[in-house]
Amino acid sequence: MLSEIINIPRSRVLDFLADHVRYDHNMTDISNNANVSRPTLYKLLDELVKEKLIVITRTMGKSKMYQINMENPIIKAMLKADFKVAAEEAEKESKEVKKK
C-alpha cells in the first residue's frame, strides 16, 4: 500500500542527487548509485526534468548530465528538512559519546 503512495525509485534518484549537489551525473552514475534500473531511469529523468526538480547541466557526447535543481522550492524544502534531521542525529550521537 505504501509503495503506491511513495515512488521509491524516484526517491532514491532525488536522494542520490541531493547527496551530491555540487556535481552533475550521467545516467549510468545515477542508475548505479541510486540502484534504479536504466529503463525506469529513462522515464524518471524525463519526469523530474519536466517537474524542474532536476536540470540537465550539459551534454558530453550523447550523454546528458543531470543535477538536482537547487532553485526549486520543493528541493530547497527537502534539503532543509534533510539537514535538520542530520543535525538532530549528530547531536544525539554527540551526547551519547560524551556520556561514555
N, C-alpha and C. Protein backbone atom coordinates (compact mmCIF):
# COMPACT_ATOMS: atom_id res chain seq x y z
N MET A 1 0.82 -1.19 0.00
CA MET A 1 0.00 0.00 0.00
C MET A 1 0.87 1.26 0.00
N LEU A 2 1.87 1.29 0.86
CA LEU A 2 2.75 2.45 0.92
C LEU A 2 3.49 2.65 -0.39
N SER A 3 3.84 1.55 -1.07
CA SER A 3 4.56 1.67 -2.33
C SER A 3 3.71 2.34 -3.41
N GLU A 4 2.38 2.32 -3.24
CA GLU A 4 1.51 3.02 -4.18
C GLU A 4 1.55 4.52 -3.96
N ILE A 5 1.85 4.94 -2.75
CA ILE A 5 1.89 6.36 -2.41
C ILE A 5 3.27 6.95 -2.69
N ILE A 6 4.31 6.23 -2.31
CA ILE A 6 5.68 6.71 -2.46
C ILE A 6 6.34 6.03 -3.65
N ASN A 7 6.87 6.82 -4.55
CA ASN A 7 7.59 6.29 -5.71
C ASN A 7 9.03 6.06 -5.27
N ILE A 8 9.36 4.85 -4.88
CA ILE A 8 10.67 4.54 -4.30
C ILE A 8 11.83 4.86 -5.25
N PRO A 9 11.82 4.43 -6.52
CA PRO A 9 12.94 4.78 -7.40
C PRO A 9 13.12 6.30 -7.51
N ARG A 10 12.03 7.01 -7.58
CA ARG A 10 12.10 8.47 -7.66
C ARG A 10 12.80 9.04 -6.42
N SER A 11 12.44 8.53 -5.26
CA SER A 11 13.06 8.99 -4.01
C SER A 11 14.55 8.67 -3.98
N ARG A 12 14.92 7.49 -4.46
CA ARG A 12 16.34 7.11 -4.48
C ARG A 12 17.14 8.01 -5.41
N VAL A 13 16.58 8.36 -6.56
CA VAL A 13 17.27 9.25 -7.50
C VAL A 13 17.46 10.62 -6.88
N LEU A 14 16.39 11.18 -6.32
CA LEU A 14 16.50 12.50 -5.70
C LEU A 14 17.44 12.49 -4.51
N ASP A 15 17.41 11.42 -3.73
CA ASP A 15 18.30 11.31 -2.57
C ASP A 15 19.76 11.28 -3.02
N PHE A 16 20.06 10.48 -4.05
CA PHE A 16 21.43 10.43 -4.55
C PHE A 16 21.89 11.80 -5.04
N LEU A 17 21.07 12.45 -5.85
CA LEU A 17 21.46 13.76 -6.38
C LEU A 17 21.56 14.80 -5.28
N ALA A 18 20.69 14.71 -4.26
CA ALA A 18 20.74 15.65 -3.14
C ALA A 18 22.00 15.46 -2.30
N ASP A 19 22.52 14.24 -2.25
CA ASP A 19 23.75 13.98 -1.52
C ASP A 19 24.99 14.48 -2.26
N HIS A 20 24.82 14.86 -3.52
CA HIS A 20 25.94 15.30 -4.36
C HIS A 20 25.56 16.56 -5.11
N VAL A 21 25.14 17.59 -4.38
CA VAL A 21 24.58 18.79 -5.01
C VAL A 21 25.58 19.57 -5.86
N ARG A 22 26.85 19.42 -5.61
CA ARG A 22 27.85 20.19 -6.35
C ARG A 22 28.27 19.53 -7.67
N TYR A 23 27.79 18.34 -7.91
CA TYR A 23 28.23 17.58 -9.08
C TYR A 23 27.07 17.24 -9.99
N ASP A 24 27.39 17.07 -11.28
CA ASP A 24 26.38 16.54 -12.19
C ASP A 24 26.76 15.11 -12.54
N HIS A 25 25.76 14.33 -12.93
CA HIS A 25 25.95 12.89 -13.14
C HIS A 25 25.27 12.44 -14.42
N ASN A 26 25.86 11.45 -15.06
CA ASN A 26 25.21 10.87 -16.23
C ASN A 26 24.27 9.76 -15.78
N MET A 27 23.54 9.21 -16.73
CA MET A 27 22.54 8.19 -16.40
C MET A 27 23.16 6.96 -15.75
N THR A 28 24.33 6.55 -16.19
CA THR A 28 24.98 5.37 -15.62
C THR A 28 25.31 5.59 -14.16
N ASP A 29 25.87 6.76 -13.83
CA ASP A 29 26.19 7.08 -12.43
C ASP A 29 24.93 7.04 -11.56
N ILE A 30 23.88 7.67 -12.06
CA ILE A 30 22.64 7.73 -11.28
C ILE A 30 22.06 6.33 -11.11
N SER A 31 22.01 5.58 -12.19
CA SER A 31 21.46 4.22 -12.14
C SER A 31 22.21 3.35 -11.14
N ASN A 32 23.53 3.37 -11.20
CA ASN A 32 24.35 2.55 -10.31
C ASN A 32 24.25 2.99 -8.85
N ASN A 33 24.33 4.29 -8.61
CA ASN A 33 24.37 4.79 -7.24
C ASN A 33 23.00 4.88 -6.57
N ALA A 34 21.96 5.05 -7.36
CA ALA A 34 20.60 5.12 -6.79
C ALA A 34 19.92 3.76 -6.84
N ASN A 35 20.60 2.79 -7.45
CA ASN A 35 20.06 1.43 -7.56
C ASN A 35 18.69 1.42 -8.25
N VAL A 36 18.66 2.08 -9.42
CA VAL A 36 17.45 2.16 -10.23
C VAL A 36 17.80 1.64 -11.62
N SER A 37 16.95 0.78 -12.16
CA SER A 37 17.23 0.22 -13.49
C SER A 37 17.21 1.32 -14.55
N ARG A 38 17.98 1.11 -15.60
CA ARG A 38 18.05 2.10 -16.67
C ARG A 38 16.69 2.35 -17.33
N PRO A 39 15.90 1.30 -17.63
CA PRO A 39 14.59 1.58 -18.22
C PRO A 39 13.71 2.47 -17.34
N THR A 40 13.73 2.21 -16.05
CA THR A 40 12.96 3.04 -15.11
C THR A 40 13.53 4.45 -15.08
N LEU A 41 14.85 4.55 -15.09
CA LEU A 41 15.51 5.84 -15.00
C LEU A 41 15.24 6.71 -16.22
N TYR A 42 15.17 6.11 -17.41
CA TYR A 42 14.85 6.90 -18.62
C TYR A 42 13.57 7.68 -18.41
N LYS A 43 12.54 7.01 -17.94
CA LYS A 43 11.25 7.65 -17.72
C LYS A 43 11.33 8.66 -16.59
N LEU A 44 11.96 8.27 -15.50
CA LEU A 44 12.05 9.14 -14.32
C LEU A 44 12.77 10.45 -14.60
N LEU A 45 13.89 10.37 -15.29
CA LEU A 45 14.66 11.58 -15.56
C LEU A 45 13.85 12.58 -16.37
N ASP A 46 13.13 12.11 -17.36
CA ASP A 46 12.27 13.00 -18.15
C ASP A 46 11.23 13.66 -17.26
N GLU A 47 10.61 12.88 -16.39
CA GLU A 47 9.59 13.43 -15.48
C GLU A 47 10.19 14.47 -14.54
N LEU A 48 11.34 14.14 -13.95
CA LEU A 48 11.98 15.04 -12.98
C LEU A 48 12.43 16.34 -13.64
N VAL A 49 12.89 16.27 -14.88
CA VAL A 49 13.27 17.48 -15.61
C VAL A 49 12.02 18.32 -15.90
N LYS A 50 10.95 17.69 -16.36
CA LYS A 50 9.70 18.42 -16.64
C LYS A 50 9.15 19.09 -15.39
N GLU A 51 9.32 18.44 -14.25
CA GLU A 51 8.85 19.00 -12.97
C GLU A 51 9.84 20.01 -12.39
N LYS A 52 10.97 20.19 -13.06
CA LYS A 52 12.03 21.12 -12.67
C LYS A 52 12.64 20.77 -11.31
N LEU A 53 12.61 19.49 -10.96
CA LEU A 53 13.27 19.03 -9.74
C LEU A 53 14.74 18.76 -10.00
N ILE A 54 15.07 18.42 -11.24
CA ILE A 54 16.47 18.28 -11.67
C ILE A 54 16.64 19.05 -12.97
N VAL A 55 17.88 19.33 -13.30
CA VAL A 55 18.18 20.05 -14.53
C VAL A 55 19.25 19.30 -15.32
N ILE A 56 19.23 19.50 -16.62
CA ILE A 56 20.31 19.00 -17.48
C ILE A 56 21.36 20.10 -17.50
N THR A 57 22.56 19.77 -17.06
CA THR A 57 23.61 20.78 -16.95
C THR A 57 24.43 20.91 -18.22
N ARG A 58 24.62 19.79 -18.92
CA ARG A 58 25.43 19.79 -20.13
C ARG A 58 25.28 18.45 -20.83
N THR A 59 25.83 18.36 -22.00
CA THR A 59 25.84 17.12 -22.75
C THR A 59 27.28 16.78 -23.09
N MET A 60 27.66 15.53 -22.84
CA MET A 60 29.00 15.05 -23.18
C MET A 60 28.82 13.92 -24.19
N GLY A 61 29.11 14.19 -25.45
CA GLY A 61 28.83 13.21 -26.48
C GLY A 61 27.34 13.02 -26.58
N LYS A 62 26.89 11.79 -26.37
CA LYS A 62 25.45 11.50 -26.38
C LYS A 62 24.85 11.50 -24.97
N SER A 63 25.70 11.65 -23.96
CA SER A 63 25.24 11.56 -22.57
C SER A 63 24.84 12.92 -22.02
N LYS A 64 23.66 12.97 -21.43
CA LYS A 64 23.22 14.17 -20.72
C LYS A 64 23.70 14.06 -19.28
N MET A 65 24.05 15.19 -18.71
CA MET A 65 24.47 15.25 -17.32
C MET A 65 23.36 15.94 -16.52
N TYR A 66 23.03 15.36 -15.36
CA TYR A 66 21.92 15.83 -14.54
C TYR A 66 22.40 16.27 -13.17
N GLN A 67 21.68 17.24 -12.62
CA GLN A 67 21.99 17.74 -11.29
C GLN A 67 20.68 18.15 -10.62
N ILE A 68 20.64 18.06 -9.31
CA ILE A 68 19.44 18.49 -8.58
C ILE A 68 19.27 20.00 -8.78
N ASN A 69 18.05 20.46 -8.88
CA ASN A 69 17.76 21.88 -9.13
C ASN A 69 17.66 22.63 -7.81
N MET A 70 18.74 23.27 -7.45
CA MET A 70 18.80 23.99 -6.18
C MET A 70 17.93 25.24 -6.15
N GLU A 71 17.37 25.63 -7.28
CA GLU A 71 16.49 26.79 -7.34
C GLU A 71 15.03 26.41 -7.10
N ASN A 72 14.72 25.13 -7.11
CA ASN A 72 13.35 24.67 -6.95
C ASN A 72 12.95 24.73 -5.47
N PRO A 73 11.82 25.37 -5.14
CA PRO A 73 11.42 25.48 -3.73
C PRO A 73 11.15 24.13 -3.06
N ILE A 74 10.68 23.15 -3.82
CA ILE A 74 10.46 21.82 -3.25
C ILE A 74 11.78 21.19 -2.85
N ILE A 75 12.79 21.32 -3.70
CA ILE A 75 14.13 20.79 -3.41
C ILE A 75 14.73 21.52 -2.23
N LYS A 76 14.57 22.84 -2.19
CA LYS A 76 15.09 23.61 -1.04
C LYS A 76 14.48 23.12 0.26
N ALA A 77 13.18 22.91 0.27
CA ALA A 77 12.50 22.43 1.48
C ALA A 77 12.95 21.02 1.84
N MET A 78 13.12 20.17 0.83
CA MET A 78 13.56 18.80 1.06
C MET A 78 14.96 18.79 1.69
N LEU A 79 15.85 19.60 1.15
CA LEU A 79 17.22 19.65 1.68
C LEU A 79 17.25 20.25 3.08
N LYS A 80 16.44 21.25 3.32
CA LYS A 80 16.38 21.86 4.65
C LYS A 80 15.93 20.83 5.69
N ALA A 81 14.90 20.06 5.34
CA ALA A 81 14.42 19.02 6.25
C ALA A 81 15.48 17.95 6.45
N ASP A 82 16.16 17.57 5.38
CA ASP A 82 17.21 16.56 5.45
C ASP A 82 18.35 17.02 6.35
N PHE A 83 18.76 18.28 6.20
CA PHE A 83 19.83 18.82 7.04
C PHE A 83 19.40 18.89 8.50
N LYS A 84 18.14 19.22 8.73
CA LYS A 84 17.64 19.30 10.11
C LYS A 84 17.70 17.93 10.78
N VAL A 85 17.24 16.90 10.07
CA VAL A 85 17.28 15.54 10.61
C VAL A 85 18.72 15.11 10.86
N ALA A 86 19.61 15.42 9.92
CA ALA A 86 21.02 15.05 10.08
C ALA A 86 21.63 15.75 11.29
N ALA A 87 21.30 17.01 11.49
CA ALA A 87 21.83 17.76 12.63
C ALA A 87 21.31 17.18 13.95
N GLU A 88 20.04 16.80 13.97
CA GLU A 88 19.47 16.20 15.18
C GLU A 88 20.13 14.86 15.49
N GLU A 89 20.37 14.05 14.47
CA GLU A 89 21.04 12.77 14.66
C GLU A 89 22.48 12.97 15.14
N ALA A 90 23.16 13.95 14.58
CA ALA A 90 24.54 14.24 15.00
C ALA A 90 24.57 14.69 16.46
N GLU A 91 23.59 15.47 16.85
CA GLU A 91 23.51 15.94 18.24
C GLU A 91 23.29 14.77 19.20
N LYS A 92 22.40 13.85 18.82
CA LYS A 92 22.15 12.66 19.65
C LYS A 92 23.42 11.83 19.81
N GLU A 93 24.11 11.61 18.71
CA GLU A 93 25.35 10.82 18.77
C GLU A 93 26.41 11.51 19.60
N SER A 94 26.49 12.82 19.49
CA SER A 94 27.46 13.58 20.28
C SER A 94 27.18 13.45 21.77
N LYS A 95 25.93 13.49 22.14
CA LYS A 95 25.56 13.34 23.57
C LYS A 95 25.88 11.93 24.06
N GLU A 96 25.66 10.93 23.24
CA GLU A 96 25.96 9.55 23.62
C GLU A 96 27.46 9.35 23.80
N VAL A 97 28.26 9.95 22.95
CA VAL A 97 29.71 9.84 23.05
C VAL A 97 30.19 10.51 24.32
N LYS A 98 29.63 11.65 24.67
CA LYS A 98 30.02 12.38 25.87
C LYS A 98 29.68 11.60 27.13
N LYS A 99 28.60 10.81 27.09
CA LYS A 99 28.21 10.00 28.25
C LYS A 99 29.21 8.90 28.53
N LYS A 100 29.88 8.42 27.51
CA LYS A 100 30.82 7.31 27.66
C LYS A 100 32.11 7.81 28.16
